[in-house]
Amino acid sequence: ASDGYGFKGPGEWDASNPDKWGVESYQWWPGSMV
């Protein structure tokens, strides 16, 4: 549901390792300034 999150399942995250899966998130750094 979130454009900022991502998921790649087993076999998709790493073609050489069908058991591996992962998630990701885009951000600005720093996230707060004054």
PDB file of all heavy atoms in Angstrom:
ATOM      1  N   ALA A   1       0.811  -1.213   0.000  1.00  0.00           N
ATOM      2  CA  ALA A   1       0.000   0.000   0.000  1.00  0.00           C
ATOM      3  C   ALA A   1       0.846   1.267   0.000  1.00  0.00           C
ATOM      4  O   ALA A   1       0.353   2.345  -0.326  1.00  0.00           O
ATOM      5  CB  ALA A   1      -0.928   0.010   1.216  1.00  0.00           C
ATOM      6  N   SER A   2       2.108   1.148   0.358  1.00  0.00           N
ATOM      7  CA  SER A   2       2.960   2.332   0.470  1.00  0.00           C
ATOM      8  C   SER A   2       3.927   2.434  -0.701  1.00  0.00           C
ATOM      9  O   SER A   2       4.626   1.481  -1.032  1.00  0.00           O
ATOM     10  CB  SER A   2       3.754   2.289   1.775  1.00  0.00           C
ATOM     11  OG  SER A   2       4.668   3.360   1.830  1.00  0.00           O
ATOM     12  N   ASP A   3       3.981   3.628  -1.312  1.00  0.00           N
ATOM     13  CA  ASP A   3       4.947   3.853  -2.380  1.00  0.00           C
ATOM     14  C   ASP A   3       6.373   3.883  -1.839  1.00  0.00           C
ATOM     15  O   ASP A   3       7.330   3.719  -2.592  1.00  0.00           O
ATOM     16  CB  ASP A   3       4.655   5.189  -3.075  1.00  0.00           C
ATOM     17  CG  ASP A   3       3.346   5.157  -3.852  1.00  0.00           C
ATOM     18  OD1 ASP A   3       2.915   4.058  -4.227  1.00  0.00           O
ATOM     19  OD2 ASP A   3       2.760   6.231  -4.069  1.00  0.00           O
ATOM     20  N   GLY A   4       6.506   4.106  -0.540  1.00  0.00           N
ATOM     21  CA  GLY A   4       7.838   4.203   0.051  1.00  0.00           C
ATOM     22  C   GLY A   4       8.442   2.874   0.446  1.00  0.00           C
ATOM     23  O   GLY A   4       9.634   2.799   0.737  1.00  0.00           O
ATOM     24  N   TYR A   5       7.635   1.803   0.488  1.00  0.00           N
ATOM     25  CA  TYR A   5       8.131   0.484   0.864  1.00  0.00           C
ATOM     26  C   TYR A   5       8.275  -0.407  -0.373  1.00  0.00           C
ATOM     27  O   TYR A   5       7.595  -0.207  -1.378  1.00  0.00           O
ATOM     28  CB  TYR A   5       7.162  -0.208   1.832  1.00  0.00           C
ATOM     29  CG  TYR A   5       6.979   0.469   3.159  1.00  0.00           C
ATOM     30  CD1 TYR A   5       5.796   0.312   3.875  1.00  0.00           C
ATOM     31  CD2 TYR A   5       7.977   1.248   3.722  1.00  0.00           C
ATOM     32  CE1 TYR A   5       5.606   0.928   5.111  1.00  0.00           C
ATOM     33  CE2 TYR A   5       7.798   1.865   4.951  1.00  0.00           C
ATOM     34  CZ  TYR A   5       6.609   1.701   5.637  1.00  0.00           C
ATOM     35  OH  TYR A   5       6.429   2.302   6.852  1.00  0.00           O
ATOM     36  N   GLY A   6       9.119  -1.410  -0.257  1.00  0.00           N
ATOM     37  CA  GLY A   6       9.271  -2.380  -1.332  1.00  0.00           C
ATOM     38  C   GLY A   6       9.541  -3.761  -0.770  1.00  0.00           C
ATOM     39  O   GLY A   6      10.129  -3.904   0.310  1.00  0.00           O
ATOM     40  N   PHE A   7       9.101  -4.802  -1.484  1.00  0.00           N
ATOM     41  CA  PHE A   7       9.317  -6.189  -1.062  1.00  0.00           C
ATOM     42  C   PHE A   7       9.642  -7.037  -2.280  1.00  0.00           C
ATOM     43  O   PHE A   7       9.003  -6.916  -3.324  1.00  0.00           O
ATOM     44  CB  PHE A   7       8.069  -6.745  -0.374  1.00  0.00           C
ATOM     45  CG  PHE A   7       8.077  -8.247  -0.213  1.00  0.00           C
ATOM     46  CD1 PHE A   7       8.919  -8.855   0.705  1.00  0.00           C
ATOM     47  CD2 PHE A   7       7.256  -9.044  -1.002  1.00  0.00           C
ATOM     48  CE1 PHE A   7       8.932 -10.241   0.847  1.00  0.00           C
ATOM     49  CE2 PHE A   7       7.262 -10.432  -0.859  1.00  0.00           C
ATOM     50  CZ  PHE A   7       8.101 -11.030   0.066  1.00  0.00           C
ATOM     51  N   LYS A   8      10.665  -7.861  -2.142  1.00  0.00           N
ATOM     52  CA  LYS A   8      11.016  -8.832  -3.175  1.00  0.00           C
ATOM     53  C   LYS A   8      11.114 -10.200  -2.508  1.00  0.00           C
ATOM     54  O   LYS A   8      11.879 -10.379  -1.554  1.00  0.00           O
ATOM     55  CB  LYS A   8      12.334  -8.459  -3.859  1.00  0.00           C
ATOM     56  CG  LYS A   8      12.237  -7.173  -4.680  1.00  0.00           C
ATOM     57  CD  LYS A   8      13.561  -6.841  -5.348  1.00  0.00           C
ATOM     58  CE  LYS A   8      13.452  -5.553  -6.148  1.00  0.00           C
ATOM     59  NZ  LYS A   8      14.748  -5.179  -6.776  1.00  0.00           N
ATOM     60  N   GLY A   9      10.329 -11.125  -3.011  1.00  0.00           N
ATOM     61  CA  GLY A   9      10.232 -12.432  -2.387  1.00  0.00           C
ATOM     62  C   GLY A   9      11.368 -13.372  -2.744  1.00  0.00           C
ATOM     63  O   GLY A   9      12.283 -13.015  -3.501  1.00  0.00           O
ATOM     64  N   PRO A  10      11.325 -14.588  -2.205  1.00  0.00           N
ATOM     65  CA  PRO A  10      12.344 -15.593  -2.497  1.00  0.00           C
ATOM     66  C   PRO A  10      12.488 -15.817  -3.999  1.00  0.00           C
ATOM     67  O   PRO A  10      11.504 -15.949  -4.717  1.00  0.00           O
ATOM     68  CB  PRO A  10      11.800 -16.849  -1.796  1.00  0.00           C
ATOM     69  CG  PRO A  10      10.948 -16.312  -0.694  1.00  0.00           C
ATOM     70  CD  PRO A  10      10.312 -15.074  -1.252  1.00  0.00           C
ATOM     71  N   GLY A  11      13.736 -15.826  -4.458  1.00  0.00           N
ATOM     72  CA  GLY A  11      13.999 -15.996  -5.881  1.00  0.00           C
ATOM     73  C   GLY A  11      13.977 -14.695  -6.653  1.00  0.00           C
ATOM     74  O   GLY A  11      14.568 -14.596  -7.728  1.00  0.00           O
ATOM     75  N   GLU A  12      13.297 -13.682  -6.132  1.00  0.00           N
ATOM     76  CA  GLU A  12      13.225 -12.386  -6.800  1.00  0.00           C
ATOM     77  C   GLU A  12      14.312 -11.444  -6.291  1.00  0.00           C
ATOM     78  O   GLU A  12      14.903 -10.685  -7.057  1.00  0.00           O
ATOM     79  CB  GLU A  12      11.852 -11.754  -6.574  1.00  0.00           C
ATOM     80  CG  GLU A  12      11.654 -10.427  -7.286  1.00  0.00           C
ATOM     81  CD  GLU A  12      10.310  -9.813  -6.968  1.00  0.00           C
ATOM     82  OE1 GLU A  12       9.580 -10.352  -6.098  1.00  0.00           O
ATOM     83  OE2 GLU A  12       9.983  -8.779  -7.582  1.00  0.00           O
ATOM     84  N   TRP A  13      14.580 -11.490  -4.992  1.00  0.00           N
ATOM     85  CA  TRP A  13      15.599 -10.619  -4.400  1.00  0.00           C
ATOM     86  C   TRP A  13      16.992 -10.984  -4.910  1.00  0.00           C
ATOM     87  O   TRP A  13      17.796 -10.118  -5.242  1.00  0.00           O
ATOM     88  CB  TRP A  13      15.535 -10.737  -2.880  1.00  0.00           C
ATOM     89  CG  TRP A  13      16.513  -9.855  -2.156  1.00  0.00           C
ATOM     90  CD1 TRP A  13      17.794 -10.163  -1.788  1.00  0.00           C
ATOM     91  CD2 TRP A  13      16.285  -8.513  -1.706  1.00  0.00           C
ATOM     92  NE1 TRP A  13      18.382  -9.114  -1.136  1.00  0.00           N
ATOM     93  CE2 TRP A  13      17.473  -8.084  -1.078  1.00  0.00           C
ATOM     94  CE3 TRP A  13      15.199  -7.646  -1.765  1.00  0.00           C
ATOM     95  CZ2 TRP A  13      17.608  -6.819  -0.509  1.00  0.00           C
ATOM     96  CZ3 TRP A  13      15.323  -6.388  -1.191  1.00  0.00           C
ATOM     97  CH2 TRP A  13      16.513  -5.985  -0.584  1.00  0.00           C
ATOM     98  N   ASP A  14      17.278 -12.283  -4.969  1.00  0.00           N
ATOM     99  CA  ASP A  14      18.589 -12.764  -5.401  1.00  0.00           C
ATOM    100  C   ASP A  14      18.382 -14.042  -6.205  1.00  0.00           C
ATOM    101  O   ASP A  14      18.078 -15.095  -5.636  1.00  0.00           O
ATOM    102  CB  ASP A  14      19.476 -13.008  -4.179  1.00  0.00           C
ATOM    103  CG  ASP A  14      20.887 -13.436  -4.556  1.00  0.00           C
ATOM    104  OD1 ASP A  14      21.150 -13.669  -5.756  1.00  0.00           O
ATOM    105  OD2 ASP A  14      21.726 -13.538  -3.642  1.00  0.00           O
ATOM    106  N   ALA A  15      18.554 -13.931  -7.520  1.00  0.00           N
ATOM    107  CA  ALA A  15      18.303 -15.074  -8.403  1.00  0.00           C
ATOM    108  C   ALA A  15      19.205 -16.252  -8.083  1.00  0.00           C
ATOM    109  O   ALA A  15      18.848 -17.414  -8.330  1.00  0.00           O
ATOM    110  CB  ALA A  15      18.492 -14.655  -9.860  1.00  0.00           C
ATOM    111  N   SER A  16      20.386 -15.982  -7.516  1.00  0.00           N
ATOM    112  CA  SER A  16      21.322 -17.060  -7.201  1.00  0.00           C
ATOM    113  C   SER A  16      21.002 -17.743  -5.882  1.00  0.00           C
ATOM    114  O   SER A  16      21.562 -18.780  -5.552  1.00  0.00           O
ATOM    115  CB  SER A  16      22.755 -16.516  -7.155  1.00  0.00           C
ATOM    116  OG  SER A  16      22.911 -15.592  -6.093  1.00  0.00           O
ATOM    117  N   ASN A  17      20.089 -17.150  -5.097  1.00  0.00           N
ATOM    118  CA  ASN A  17      19.711 -17.719  -3.808  1.00  0.00           C
ATOM    119  C   ASN A  17      18.183 -17.706  -3.702  1.00  0.00           C
ATOM    120  O   ASN A  17      17.595 -16.727  -3.257  1.00  0.00           O
ATOM    121  CB  ASN A  17      20.331 -16.927  -2.661  1.00  0.00           C
ATOM    122  CG  ASN A  17      20.084 -17.572  -1.308  1.00  0.00           C
ATOM    123  OD1 ASN A  17      19.286 -18.503  -1.174  1.00  0.00           O
ATOM    124  ND2 ASN A  17      20.766 -17.074  -0.292  1.00  0.00           N
ATOM    125  N   PRO A  18      17.513 -18.799  -4.084  1.00  0.00           N
ATOM    126  CA  PRO A  18      16.048 -18.833  -4.118  1.00  0.00           C
ATOM    127  C   PRO A  18      15.381 -18.738  -2.747  1.00  0.00           C
ATOM    128  O   PRO A  18      14.162 -18.569  -2.665  1.00  0.00           O
ATOM    129  CB  PRO A  18      15.742 -20.182  -4.774  1.00  0.00           C
ATOM    130  CG  PRO A  18      16.943 -21.021  -4.501  1.00  0.00           C
ATOM    131  CD  PRO A  18      18.103 -20.082  -4.529  1.00  0.00           C
ATOM    132  N   ASP A  19      16.167 -18.837  -1.672  1.00  0.00           N
ATOM    133  CA  ASP A  19      15.599 -18.755  -0.323  1.00  0.00           C
ATOM    134  C   ASP A  19      15.675 -17.337   0.263  1.00  0.00           C
ATOM    135  O   ASP A  19      15.126 -17.086   1.341  1.00  0.00           O
ATOM    136  CB  ASP A  19      16.336 -19.712   0.628  1.00  0.00           C
ATOM    137  CG  ASP A  19      16.108 -21.174   0.263  1.00  0.00           C
ATOM    138  OD1 ASP A  19      15.026 -21.478  -0.271  1.00  0.00           O
ATOM    139  OD2 ASP A  19      17.015 -21.986   0.503  1.00  0.00           O
ATOM    140  N   LYS A  20      16.329 -16.447  -0.437  1.00  0.00           N
ATOM    141  CA  LYS A  20      16.550 -15.103   0.102  1.00  0.00           C
ATOM    142  C   LYS A  20      15.418 -14.157  -0.291  1.00  0.00           C
ATOM    143  O   LYS A  20      14.946 -14.163  -1.415  1.00  0.00           O
ATOM    144  CB  LYS A  20      17.884 -14.552  -0.416  1.00  0.00           C
ATOM    145  CG  LYS A  20      18.399 -13.358   0.362  1.00  0.00           C
ATOM    146  CD  LYS A  20      19.822 -13.017  -0.084  1.00  0.00           C
ATOM    147  CE  LYS A  20      20.415 -11.906   0.751  1.00  0.00           C
ATOM    148  NZ  LYS A  20      21.818 -11.598   0.334  1.00  0.00           N
ATOM    149  N   TRP A  21      14.980 -13.321   0.656  1.00  0.00           N
ATOM    150  CA  TRP A  21      13.971 -12.307   0.380  1.00  0.00           C
ATOM    151  C   TRP A  21      14.351 -11.020   1.122  1.00  0.00           C
ATOM    152  O   TRP A  21      15.178 -11.039   2.044  1.00  0.00           O
ATOM    153  CB  TRP A  21      12.576 -12.765   0.798  1.00  0.00           C
ATOM    154  CG  TRP A  21      12.408 -13.061   2.261  1.00  0.00           C
ATOM    155  CD1 TRP A  21      12.609 -14.264   2.893  1.00  0.00           C
ATOM    156  CD2 TRP A  21      12.013 -12.141   3.287  1.00  0.00           C
ATOM    157  NE1 TRP A  21      12.372 -14.153   4.236  1.00  0.00           N
ATOM    158  CE2 TRP A  21      11.994 -12.857   4.522  1.00  0.00           C
ATOM    159  CE3 TRP A  21      11.658 -10.793   3.308  1.00  0.00           C
ATOM    160  CZ2 TRP A  21      11.650 -12.277   5.731  1.00  0.00           C
ATOM    161  CZ3 TRP A  21      11.313 -10.200   4.513  1.00  0.00           C
ATOM    162  CH2 TRP A  21      11.304 -10.932   5.707  1.00  0.00           C
ATOM    163  N   GLY A  22      13.763  -9.885   0.716  1.00  0.00           N
ATOM    164  CA  GLY A  22      14.169  -8.640   1.347  1.00  0.00           C
ATOM    165  C   GLY A  22      13.135  -7.535   1.220  1.00  0.00           C
ATOM    166  O   GLY A  22      12.163  -7.638   0.462  1.00  0.00           O
ATOM    167  N   VAL A  23      13.359  -6.487   1.981  1.00  0.00           N
ATOM    168  CA  VAL A  23      12.486  -5.310   1.965  1.00  0.00           C
ATOM    169  C   VAL A  23      13.359  -4.062   1.827  1.00  0.00           C
ATOM    170  O   VAL A  23      14.575  -4.099   2.071  1.00  0.00           O
ATOM    171  CB  VAL A  23      11.630  -5.211   3.242  1.00  0.00           C
ATOM    172  CG1 VAL A  23      10.586  -6.305   3.272  1.00  0.00           C
ATOM    173  CG2 VAL A  23      12.506  -5.274   4.492  1.00  0.00           C
ATOM    174  N   GLU A  24      12.723  -2.947   1.451  1.00  0.00           N
ATOM    175  CA  GLU A  24      13.459  -1.707   1.242  1.00  0.00           C
ATOM    176  C   GLU A  24      12.554  -0.516   1.506  1.00  0.00           C
ATOM    177  O   GLU A  24      11.320  -0.638   1.509  1.00  0.00           O
ATOM    178  CB  GLU A  24      13.997  -1.652  -0.199  1.00  0.00           C
ATOM    179  CG  GLU A  24      12.917  -1.838  -1.243  1.00  0.00           C
ATOM    180  CD  GLU A  24      13.460  -2.287  -2.587  1.00  0.00           C
ATOM    181  OE1 GLU A  24      14.629  -2.721  -2.657  1.00  0.00           O
ATOM    182  OE2 GLU A  24      12.714  -2.190  -3.569  1.00  0.00           O
ATOM    183  N   SER A  25      13.169   0.639   1.736  1.00  0.00           N
ATOM    184  CA  SER A  25      12.408   1.855   1.974  1.00  0.00           C
ATOM    185  C   SER A  25      13.241   3.056   1.545  1.00  0.00           C
ATOM    186  O   SER A  25      14.431   3.142   1.853  1.00  0.00           O
ATOM    187  CB  SER A  25      12.048   1.988   3.459  1.00  0.00           C
ATOM    188  OG  SER A  25      11.401   3.218   3.714  1.00  0.00           O
ATOM    189  N   TYR A  26      12.595   3.989   0.815  1.00  0.00           N
ATOM    190  CA  TYR A  26      13.270   5.219   0.385  1.00  0.00           C
ATOM    191  C   TYR A  26      13.109   6.305   1.439  1.00  0.00           C
ATOM    192  O   TYR A  26      12.048   6.450   2.045  1.00  0.00           O
ATOM    193  CB  TYR A  26      12.693   5.717  -0.938  1.00  0.00           C
ATOM    194  CG  TYR A  26      13.271   5.020  -2.145  1.00  0.00           C
ATOM    195  CD1 TYR A  26      12.614   3.938  -2.729  1.00  0.00           C
ATOM    196  CD2 TYR A  26      14.478   5.444  -2.705  1.00  0.00           C
ATOM    197  CE1 TYR A  26      13.141   3.294  -3.841  1.00  0.00           C
ATOM    198  CE2 TYR A  26      15.013   4.803  -3.813  1.00  0.00           C
ATOM    199  CZ  TYR A  26      14.347   3.735  -4.373  1.00  0.00           C
ATOM    200  OH  TYR A  26      14.872   3.105  -5.471  1.00  0.00           O
ATOM    201  N   GLN A  27      14.185   7.095   1.634  1.00  0.00           N
ATOM    202  CA  GLN A  27      14.164   8.159   2.642  1.00  0.00           C
ATOM    203  C   GLN A  27      15.068   9.317   2.218  1.00  0.00           C
ATOM    204  O   GLN A  27      15.946   9.160   1.363  1.00  0.00           O
ATOM    205  CB  GLN A  27      14.664   7.620   3.986  1.00  0.00           C
ATOM    206  CG  GLN A  27      13.854   6.448   4.542  1.00  0.00           C
ATOM    207  CD  GLN A  27      14.479   5.866   5.790  1.00  0.00           C
ATOM    208  OE1 GLN A  27      15.039   6.570   6.623  1.00  0.00           O
ATOM    209  NE2 GLN A  27      14.397   4.549   5.933  1.00  0.00           N
ATOM    210  N   TRP A  28      14.812  10.482   2.841  1.00  0.00           N
ATOM    211  CA  TRP A  28      15.754  11.602   2.778  1.00  0.00           C
ATOM    212  C   TRP A  28      16.599  11.555   4.047  1.00  0.00           C
ATOM    213  O   TRP A  28      16.103  11.232   5.121  1.00  0.00           O
ATOM    214  CB  TRP A  28      15.027  12.943   2.746  1.00  0.00           C
ATOM    215  CG  TRP A  28      14.158  13.233   1.562  1.00  0.00           C
ATOM    216  CD1 TRP A  28      12.799  13.363   1.568  1.00  0.00           C
ATOM    217  CD2 TRP A  28      14.570  13.479   0.210  1.00  0.00           C
ATOM    218  NE1 TRP A  28      12.326  13.667   0.313  1.00  0.00           N
ATOM    219  CE2 TRP A  28      13.407  13.745  -0.545  1.00  0.00           C
ATOM    220  CE3 TRP A  28      15.816  13.494  -0.426  1.00  0.00           C
ATOM    221  CZ2 TRP A  28      13.445  14.022  -1.910  1.00  0.00           C
ATOM    222  CZ3 TRP A  28      15.850  13.773  -1.784  1.00  0.00           C
ATOM    223  CH2 TRP A  28      14.684  14.025  -2.515  1.00  0.00           C
ATOM    224  N   TRP A  29      17.862  11.917   3.919  1.00  0.00           N
ATOM    225  CA  TRP A  29      18.695  12.059   5.109  1.00  0.00           C
ATOM    226  C   TRP A  29      19.447  13.374   5.033  1.00  0.00           C
ATOM    227  O   TRP A  29      20.073  13.655   4.007  1.00  0.00           O
ATOM    228  CB  TRP A  29      19.693  10.905   5.226  1.00  0.00           C
ATOM    229  CG  TRP A  29      20.395  10.948   6.551  1.00  0.00           C
ATOM    230  CD1 TRP A  29      19.994  10.355   7.722  1.00  0.00           C
ATOM    231  CD2 TRP A  29      21.604  11.653   6.856  1.00  0.00           C
ATOM    232  NE1 TRP A  29      20.876  10.650   8.736  1.00  0.00           N
ATOM    233  CE2 TRP A  29      21.874  11.450   8.230  1.00  0.00           C
ATOM    234  CE3 TRP A  29      22.480  12.440   6.111  1.00  0.00           C
ATOM    235  CZ2 TRP A  29      22.982  11.997   8.867  1.00  0.00           C
ATOM    236  CZ3 TRP A  29      23.574  13.007   6.741  1.00  0.00           C
ATOM    237  CH2 TRP A  29      23.825  12.775   8.094  1.00  0.00           C
ATOM    238  N   PRO A  30      19.375  14.238   6.072  1.00  0.00           N
ATOM    239  CA  PRO A  30      18.601  14.041   7.298  1.00  0.00           C
ATOM    240  C   PRO A  30      17.101  14.205   7.058  1.00  0.00           C
ATOM    241  O   PRO A  30      16.686  14.874   6.105  1.00  0.00           O
ATOM    242  CB  PRO A  30      19.126  15.152   8.217  1.00  0.00           C
ATOM    243  CG  PRO A  30      19.553  16.232   7.272  1.00  0.00           C
ATOM    244  CD  PRO A  30      20.102  15.533   6.074  1.00  0.00           C
ATOM    245  N   GLY A  31      16.314  13.615   7.935  1.00  0.00           N
ATOM    246  CA  GLY A  31      14.866  13.680   7.797  1.00  0.00           C
ATOM    247  C   GLY A  31      14.242  14.874   8.480  1.00  0.00           C
ATOM    248  O   GLY A  31      13.057  15.153   8.288  1.00  0.00           O
ATOM    249  N   SER A  32      15.030  15.587   9.307  1.00  0.00           N
ATOM    250  CA  SER A  32      14.515  16.771   9.987  1.00  0.00           C
ATOM    251  C   SER A  32      15.602  17.832  10.080  1.00  0.00           C
ATOM    252  O   SER A  32      16.774  17.516  10.306  1.00  0.00           O
ATOM    253  CB  SER A  32      13.985  16.413  11.384  1.00  0.00           C
ATOM    254  OG  SER A  32      15.024  15.868  12.178  1.00  0.00           O
ATOM    255  N   MET A  33      15.205  19.081   9.882  1.00  0.00           N
ATOM    256  CA  MET A  33      16.127  20.216   9.912  1.00  0.00           C
ATOM    257  C   MET A  33      15.436  21.375  10.622  1.00  0.00           C
ATOM    258  O   MET A  33      14.216  21.400  10.724  1.00  0.00           O
ATOM    259  CB  MET A  33      16.517  20.621   8.486  1.00  0.00           C
ATOM    260  CG  MET A  33      17.321  19.552   7.741  1.00  0.00           C
ATOM    261  SD  MET A  33      17.139  19.624   5.939  1.00  0.00           S
ATOM    262  CE  MET A  33      15.744  18.517   5.679  1.00  0.00           C
ATOM    263  N   VAL A  34      16.220  22.350  11.095  1.00  0.00           N
ATOM    264  CA  VAL A  34      15.673  23.497  11.822  1.00  0.00           C
ATOM    265  C   VAL A  34      16.251  24.781  11.243  1.00  0.00           C
ATOM    266  O   VAL A  34      17.462  24.882  11.003  1.00  0.00           O
ATOM    267  CB  VAL A  34      15.989  23.412  13.331  1.00  0.00           C
ATOM    268  CG1 VAL A  34      15.457  24.647  14.044  1.00  0.00           C
ATOM    269  CG2 VAL A  34      15.399  22.153  13.942  1.00  0.00           C
TER     270      VAL A  34
END
